[in-house]
């Protein structure tokens, strides 16, 4: 253990630059975590999904759907069978979303990846199991057994809960997301920019 500790401590001439570099990395990491509201992603609050302005159409369409009374974003888009799978999926999905947003390669129309499709299908069935397995529907709906086992739920229920148009440019504007979820300028910089604007 002592050998490892000695290996990690830089030579005397590199001590100050090493401390400065370590401090800068820690500071930038903390800044990124605070600015991205990273802790909020551990919650189930749907407003968290709107931290990134790219998800505004999805948030707005969910907020104006019947699902808002019964399900949050996580209830549909995150596995619900165990805590480990839930947070592992959230971490992977969050990394993918953050990478796309930081690299500015988010698509105009956001579509689920294969893993997300499987999770949403599982959760549709988890919540609507009684309707999916209702034998009486076999006589009322043509090919009900085939349709409920060979297809995804949204192949029939296309507008649930996000509507049929989900691109950034075609979703109806339902009003602003609360300011706390839009503001990305840190308070210290906001004070500085307001001071400069007042001097003009």
C-alpha atoms as a PDB file:
ATOM      1  CA  UNK A   1       0.000   0.000   0.000  1.00  0.00           C
ATOM      2  CA  UNK A   2       2.903   2.349   0.841  1.00  0.00           C
ATOM      3  CA  UNK A   3       4.458   1.678  -2.572  1.00  0.00           C
ATOM      4  CA  UNK A   4       1.220   2.646  -4.303  1.00  0.00           C
ATOM      5  CA  UNK A   5       0.930   5.800  -2.189  1.00  0.00           C
ATOM      6  CA  UNK A   6       4.547   6.765  -2.994  1.00  0.00           C
ATOM      7  CA  UNK A   7       3.918   6.094  -6.681  1.00  0.00           C
ATOM      8  CA  UNK A   8       0.919   8.472  -6.685  1.00  0.00           C
ATOM      9  CA  UNK A   9       2.787  11.348  -5.029  1.00  0.00           C
ATOM     10  CA  UNK A  10       4.679  13.297  -7.699  1.00  0.00           C
ATOM     11  CA  UNK A  11       8.349  14.248  -7.320  1.00  0.00           C
ATOM     12  CA  UNK A  12       8.973  17.464  -5.340  1.00  0.00           C
ATOM     13  CA  UNK A  13       9.426  19.613  -8.481  1.00  0.00           C
ATOM     14  CA  UNK A  14       6.017  18.459  -9.787  1.00  0.00           C
ATOM     15  CA  UNK A  15       4.145  18.857  -6.476  1.00  0.00           C
ATOM     16  CA  UNK A  16       2.805  22.405  -7.024  1.00  0.00           C
ATOM     17  CA  UNK A  17       1.851  21.899 -10.718  1.00  0.00           C
ATOM     18  CA  UNK A  18       0.275  18.561  -9.726  1.00  0.00           C
ATOM     19  CA  UNK A  19      -1.788  20.216  -6.985  1.00  0.00           C
ATOM     20  CA  UNK A  20      -2.863  22.999  -9.359  1.00  0.00           C
ATOM     21  CA  UNK A  21      -3.849  20.493 -12.049  1.00  0.00           C
ATOM     22  CA  UNK A  22      -5.719  18.314  -9.524  1.00  0.00           C
ATOM     23  CA  UNK A  23      -7.496  21.390  -8.107  1.00  0.00           C
ATOM     24  CA  UNK A  24      -8.471  22.522 -11.600  1.00  0.00           C
ATOM     25  CA  UNK A  25      -9.847  19.082 -12.501  1.00  0.00           C
ATOM     26  CA  UNK A  26     -11.796  18.817  -9.239  1.00  0.00           C
ATOM     27  CA  UNK A  27     -13.110  22.365  -9.668  1.00  0.00           C
ATOM     28  CA  UNK A  28     -14.187  21.802 -13.278  1.00  0.00           C
ATOM     29  CA  UNK A  29     -15.836  18.515 -12.330  1.00  0.00           C
ATOM     30  CA  UNK A  30     -17.773  20.160  -9.483  1.00  0.00           C
ATOM     31  CA  UNK A  31     -18.729  23.063 -11.753  1.00  0.00           C
ATOM     32  CA  UNK A  32     -20.000  20.647 -14.423  1.00  0.00           C
ATOM     33  CA  UNK A  33     -21.993  18.659 -11.844  1.00  0.00           C
ATOM     34  CA  UNK A  34     -23.567  21.812 -10.392  1.00  0.00           C
ATOM     35  CA  UNK A  35     -24.322  23.444 -13.750  1.00  0.00           C
ATOM     36  CA  UNK A  36     -25.831  20.271 -15.203  1.00  0.00           C
ATOM     37  CA  UNK A  37     -27.957  19.851 -12.056  1.00  0.00           C
ATOM     38  CA  UNK A  38     -26.605  16.296 -11.913  1.00  0.00           C
ATOM     39  CA  UNK A  39     -28.157  15.530  -8.524  1.00  0.00           C
ATOM     40  CA  UNK A  40     -31.632  16.251  -9.926  1.00  0.00           C
ATOM     41  CA  UNK A  41     -31.287  13.227 -12.213  1.00  0.00           C
ATOM     42  CA  UNK A  42     -31.474  10.964  -9.174  1.00  0.00           C
ATOM     43  CA  UNK A  43     -35.076  12.112  -8.608  1.00  0.00           C
ATOM     44  CA  UNK A  44     -38.329  11.258 -10.381  1.00  0.00           C
ATOM     45  CA  UNK A  45     -39.311  14.888 -11.058  1.00  0.00           C
ATOM     46  CA  UNK A  46     -40.338  15.205 -14.741  1.00  0.00           C
ATOM     47  CA  UNK A  47     -39.007  18.787 -14.824  1.00  0.00           C
ATOM     48  CA  UNK A  48     -35.547  17.247 -14.588  1.00  0.00           C
ATOM     49  CA  UNK A  49     -35.957  15.952 -18.135  1.00  0.00           C
ATOM     50  CA  UNK A  50     -36.329  19.572 -19.251  1.00  0.00           C
ATOM     51  CA  UNK A  51     -32.966  20.605 -17.740  1.00  0.00           C
ATOM     52  CA  UNK A  52     -31.740  20.086 -21.267  1.00  0.00           C
ATOM     53  CA  UNK A  53     -33.750  22.327 -23.605  1.00  0.00           C
ATOM     54  CA  UNK A  54     -33.749  19.612 -26.273  1.00  0.00           C
ATOM     55  CA  UNK A  55     -36.285  17.639 -24.216  1.00  0.00           C
ATOM     56  CA  UNK A  56     -38.777  20.518 -24.003  1.00  0.00           C
ATOM     57  CA  UNK A  57     -41.157  19.006 -26.632  1.00  0.00           C
ATOM     58  CA  UNK A  58     -41.230  15.698 -24.753  1.00  0.00           C
ATOM     59  CA  UNK A  59     -41.870  17.442 -21.440  1.00  0.00           C
ATOM     60  CA  UNK A  60     -44.565  19.700 -22.922  1.00  0.00           C
ATOM     61  CA  UNK A  61     -46.425  16.863 -24.636  1.00  0.00           C
ATOM     62  CA  UNK A  62     -46.262  14.662 -21.523  1.00  0.00           C
ATOM     63  CA  UNK A  63     -47.476  17.550 -19.350  1.00  0.00           C
ATOM     64  CA  UNK A  64     -50.541  17.912 -21.595  1.00  0.00           C
ATOM     65  CA  UNK A  65     -51.307  14.189 -21.733  1.00  0.00           C
ATOM     66  CA  UNK A  66     -53.418  11.937 -19.543  1.00  0.00           C
ATOM     67  CA  UNK A  67     -50.258  10.110 -18.407  1.00  0.00           C
ATOM     68  CA  UNK A  68     -49.150  13.119 -16.337  1.00  0.00           C
ATOM     69  CA  UNK A  69     -51.713  12.113 -13.699  1.00  0.00           C
ATOM     70  CA  UNK A  70     -50.306   8.595 -13.345  1.00  0.00           C
ATOM     71  CA  UNK A  71     -46.729   8.361 -14.577  1.00  0.00           C
ATOM     72  CA  UNK A  72     -43.535  10.388 -14.492  1.00  0.00           C
ATOM     73  CA  UNK A  73     -40.864  10.121 -17.181  1.00  0.00           C
ATOM     74  CA  UNK A  74     -39.027   7.486 -15.134  1.00  0.00           C
ATOM     75  CA  UNK A  75     -42.140   5.342 -14.743  1.00  0.00           C
ATOM     76  CA  UNK A  76     -42.114   4.714 -18.494  1.00  0.00           C
ATOM     77  CA  UNK A  77     -38.511   5.231 -19.597  1.00  0.00           C
ATOM     78  CA  UNK A  78     -36.536   3.558 -16.787  1.00  0.00           C
ATOM     79  CA  UNK A  79     -36.632  -0.121 -15.720  1.00  0.00           C
ATOM     80  CA  UNK A  80     -38.745  -0.661 -12.615  1.00  0.00           C
ATOM     81  CA  UNK A  81     -37.883  -4.248 -11.697  1.00  0.00           C
ATOM     82  CA  UNK A  82     -34.944  -3.476  -9.333  1.00  0.00           C
ATOM     83  CA  UNK A  83     -32.949  -0.529  -8.012  1.00  0.00           C
ATOM     84  CA  UNK A  84     -29.607  -1.609  -9.471  1.00  0.00           C
ATOM     85  CA  UNK A  85     -30.998  -1.935 -13.000  1.00  0.00           C
ATOM     86  CA  UNK A  86     -32.885   1.360 -12.578  1.00  0.00           C
ATOM     87  CA  UNK A  87     -29.820   3.417 -11.686  1.00  0.00           C
ATOM     88  CA  UNK A  88     -27.502   1.579 -14.095  1.00  0.00           C
ATOM     89  CA  UNK A  89     -29.942   2.351 -16.924  1.00  0.00           C
ATOM     90  CA  UNK A  90     -30.311   5.978 -15.790  1.00  0.00           C
ATOM     91  CA  UNK A  91     -26.521   6.358 -15.693  1.00  0.00           C
ATOM     92  CA  UNK A  92     -26.035   4.901 -19.180  1.00  0.00           C
ATOM     93  CA  UNK A  93     -28.924   6.878 -20.642  1.00  0.00           C
ATOM     94  CA  UNK A  94     -27.774  10.054 -18.908  1.00  0.00           C
ATOM     95  CA  UNK A  95     -24.256   9.613 -20.269  1.00  0.00           C
ATOM     96  CA  UNK A  96     -25.644   9.159 -23.801  1.00  0.00           C
ATOM     97  CA  UNK A  97     -27.893  12.226 -23.483  1.00  0.00           C
ATOM     98  CA  UNK A  98     -25.155  14.406 -21.982  1.00  0.00           C
ATOM     99  CA  UNK A  99     -22.669  13.335 -24.668  1.00  0.00           C
ATOM    100  CA  UNK A 100     -25.112  14.130 -27.469  1.00  0.00           C
ATOM    101  CA  UNK A 101     -25.960  17.497 -25.932  1.00  0.00           C
ATOM    102  CA  UNK A 102     -22.349  18.521 -25.242  1.00  0.00           C
ATOM    103  CA  UNK A 103     -21.203  17.492 -28.717  1.00  0.00           C
ATOM    104  CA  UNK A 104     -24.244  19.235 -30.259  1.00  0.00           C
ATOM    105  CA  UNK A 105     -25.257  16.159 -32.238  1.00  0.00           C
ATOM    106  CA  UNK A 106     -28.752  15.724 -30.836  1.00  0.00           C
ATOM    107  CA  UNK A 107     -31.233  14.881 -33.608  1.00  0.00           C
ATOM    108  CA  UNK A 108     -34.138  17.102 -34.622  1.00  0.00           C
ATOM    109  CA  UNK A 109     -36.497  14.238 -33.798  1.00  0.00           C
ATOM    110  CA  UNK A 110     -35.511  12.248 -30.717  1.00  0.00           C
ATOM    111  CA  UNK A 111     -36.091   8.523 -31.055  1.00  0.00           C
ATOM    112  CA  UNK A 112     -35.555   5.781 -28.512  1.00  0.00           C
ATOM    113  CA  UNK A 113     -32.656   3.383 -28.864  1.00  0.00           C
ATOM    114  CA  UNK A 114     -33.257  -0.385 -28.698  1.00  0.00           C
ATOM    115  CA  UNK A 115     -32.659  -0.551 -24.924  1.00  0.00           C
ATOM    116  CA  UNK A 116     -35.177   2.246 -24.368  1.00  0.00           C
ATOM    117  CA  UNK A 117     -37.751   0.554 -26.591  1.00  0.00           C
ATOM    118  CA  UNK A 118     -37.529  -2.639 -24.526  1.00  0.00           C
ATOM    119  CA  UNK A 119     -37.879  -0.727 -21.249  1.00  0.00           C
ATOM    120  CA  UNK A 120     -40.902   1.301 -22.403  1.00  0.00           C
ATOM    121  CA  UNK A 121     -42.605  -1.874 -23.677  1.00  0.00           C
ATOM    122  CA  UNK A 122     -41.949  -3.604 -20.328  1.00  0.00           C
ATOM    123  CA  UNK A 123     -43.426  -0.636 -18.468  1.00  0.00           C
ATOM    124  CA  UNK A 124     -46.496  -0.394 -20.715  1.00  0.00           C
ATOM    125  CA  UNK A 125     -47.255  -4.016 -19.911  1.00  0.00           C
ATOM    126  CA  UNK A 126     -46.411  -3.557 -16.206  1.00  0.00           C
ATOM    127  CA  UNK A 127     -48.981  -0.752 -15.824  1.00  0.00           C
ATOM    128  CA  UNK A 128     -51.587  -2.017 -18.281  1.00  0.00           C
ATOM    129  CA  UNK A 129     -51.313  -5.747 -17.619  1.00  0.00           C
ATOM    130  CA  UNK A 130     -55.065  -6.119 -17.016  1.00  0.00           C
ATOM    131  CA  UNK A 131     -55.914  -4.637 -20.427  1.00  0.00           C
ATOM    132  CA  UNK A 132     -53.208  -6.603 -22.220  1.00  0.00           C
ATOM    133  CA  UNK A 133     -54.336  -9.937 -20.794  1.00  0.00           C
ATOM    134  CA  UNK A 134     -58.123  -9.300 -20.816  1.00  0.00           C
ATOM    135  CA  UNK A 135     -59.637 -12.295 -22.619  1.00  0.00           C
ATOM    136  CA  UNK A 136     -62.847 -10.359 -23.372  1.00  0.00           C
ATOM    137  CA  UNK A 137     -60.891  -8.068 -25.691  1.00  0.00           C
ATOM    138  CA  UNK A 138     -60.049 -11.050 -27.922  1.00  0.00           C
ATOM    139  CA  UNK A 139     -63.636 -11.016 -29.183  1.00  0.00           C
ATOM    140  CA  UNK A 140     -63.866  -7.241 -29.523  1.00  0.00           C
ATOM    141  CA  UNK A 141     -60.556  -6.345 -31.147  1.00  0.00           C
ATOM    142  CA  UNK A 142     -59.457  -8.055 -34.335  1.00  0.00           C
ATOM    143  CA  UNK A 143     -56.234 -10.044 -33.885  1.00  0.00           C
ATOM    144  CA  UNK A 144     -55.940  -8.882 -30.256  1.00  0.00           C
ATOM    145  CA  UNK A 145     -53.749 -11.812 -29.150  1.00  0.00           C
ATOM    146  CA  UNK A 146     -51.409 -11.429 -32.130  1.00  0.00           C
ATOM    147  CA  UNK A 147     -51.240  -7.644 -31.793  1.00  0.00           C
ATOM    148  CA  UNK A 148     -50.436  -7.698 -28.088  1.00  0.00           C
ATOM    149  CA  UNK A 149     -47.604 -10.212 -28.401  1.00  0.00           C
ATOM    150  CA  UNK A 150     -46.001  -9.481 -31.787  1.00  0.00           C
ATOM    151  CA  UNK A 151     -46.067  -5.680 -31.782  1.00  0.00           C
ATOM    152  CA  UNK A 152     -45.042  -2.774 -29.600  1.00  0.00           C
ATOM    153  CA  UNK A 153     -47.879  -1.054 -27.752  1.00  0.00           C
ATOM    154  CA  UNK A 154     -47.310   2.278 -29.521  1.00  0.00           C
ATOM    155  CA  UNK A 155     -47.762   0.747 -32.957  1.00  0.00           C
ATOM    156  CA  UNK A 156     -51.496   1.081 -32.224  1.00  0.00           C
ATOM    157  CA  UNK A 157     -51.416   3.700 -29.467  1.00  0.00           C
ATOM    158  CA  UNK A 158     -49.246   6.084 -31.493  1.00  0.00           C
ATOM    159  CA  UNK A 159     -50.046   9.335 -29.742  1.00  0.00           C
ATOM    160  CA  UNK A 160     -49.609   8.125 -26.152  1.00  0.00           C
ATOM    161  CA  UNK A 161     -48.350  10.181 -24.350  1.00  0.00           C
ATOM    162  CA  UNK A 162     -46.215  12.448 -26.540  1.00  0.00           C
ATOM    163  CA  UNK A 163     -48.466  12.981 -29.562  1.00  0.00           C
ATOM    164  CA  UNK A 164     -47.408  12.226 -33.099  1.00  0.00           C
ATOM    165  CA  UNK A 165     -45.054  15.170 -33.747  1.00  0.00           C
ATOM    166  CA  UNK A 166     -42.023  15.253 -31.456  1.00  0.00           C
ATOM    167  CA  UNK A 167     -39.440  17.320 -33.266  1.00  0.00           C
ATOM    168  CA  UNK A 168     -38.042  20.546 -31.873  1.00  0.00           C
ATOM    169  CA  UNK A 169     -39.675  22.559 -34.651  1.00  0.00           C
ATOM    170  CA  UNK A 170     -43.127  20.959 -34.866  1.00  0.00           C
ATOM    171  CA  UNK A 171     -44.286  20.465 -31.279  1.00  0.00           C
ATOM    172  CA  UNK A 172     -46.969  22.899 -30.218  1.00  0.00           C
ATOM    173  CA  UNK A 173     -45.659  25.499 -27.790  1.00  0.00           C
ATOM    174  CA  UNK A 174     -47.389  24.960 -24.443  1.00  0.00           C
ATOM    175  CA  UNK A 175     -45.595  27.647 -22.468  1.00  0.00           C
ATOM    176  CA  UNK A 176     -42.227  28.033 -20.877  1.00  0.00           C
ATOM    177  CA  UNK A 177     -40.523  25.479 -18.715  1.00  0.00           C
ATOM    178  CA  UNK A 178     -40.078  27.009 -15.225  1.00  0.00           C
ATOM    179  CA  UNK A 179     -37.094  29.361 -15.071  1.00  0.00           C
ATOM    180  CA  UNK A 180     -35.209  27.209 -12.552  1.00  0.00           C
ATOM    181  CA  UNK A 181     -34.894  24.545 -15.253  1.00  0.00           C
ATOM    182  CA  UNK A 182     -33.750  26.948 -17.976  1.00  0.00           C
ATOM    183  CA  UNK A 183     -31.146  29.043 -16.255  1.00  0.00           C
ATOM    184  CA  UNK A 184     -27.632  27.869 -17.011  1.00  0.00           C
ATOM    185  CA  UNK A 185     -25.760  31.060 -16.106  1.00  0.00           C
ATOM    186  CA  UNK A 186     -24.137  30.761 -12.657  1.00  0.00           C
ATOM    187  CA  UNK A 187     -25.099  33.428 -10.086  1.00  0.00           C
ATOM    188  CA  UNK A 188     -21.573  34.851  -9.812  1.00  0.00           C
ATOM    189  CA  UNK A 189     -21.424  35.395 -13.591  1.00  0.00           C
ATOM    190  CA  UNK A 190     -24.979  36.756 -13.666  1.00  0.00           C
ATOM    191  CA  UNK A 191     -23.984  39.432 -11.110  1.00  0.00           C
ATOM    192  CA  UNK A 192     -20.952  40.318 -13.202  1.00  0.00           C
ATOM    193  CA  UNK A 193     -22.904  40.592 -16.468  1.00  0.00           C
ATOM    194  CA  UNK A 194     -25.668  42.629 -14.806  1.00  0.00           C
ATOM    195  CA  UNK A 195     -23.056  45.027 -13.408  1.00  0.00           C
ATOM    196  CA  UNK A 196     -21.533  45.476 -16.863  1.00  0.00           C
ATOM    197  CA  UNK A 197     -24.970  46.027 -18.436  1.00  0.00           C
ATOM    198  CA  UNK A 198     -25.813  48.672 -15.790  1.00  0.00           C
ATOM    199  CA  UNK A 199     -22.629  50.624 -16.605  1.00  0.00           C
ATOM    200  CA  UNK A 200     -23.623  50.953 -20.287  1.00  0.00           C
END
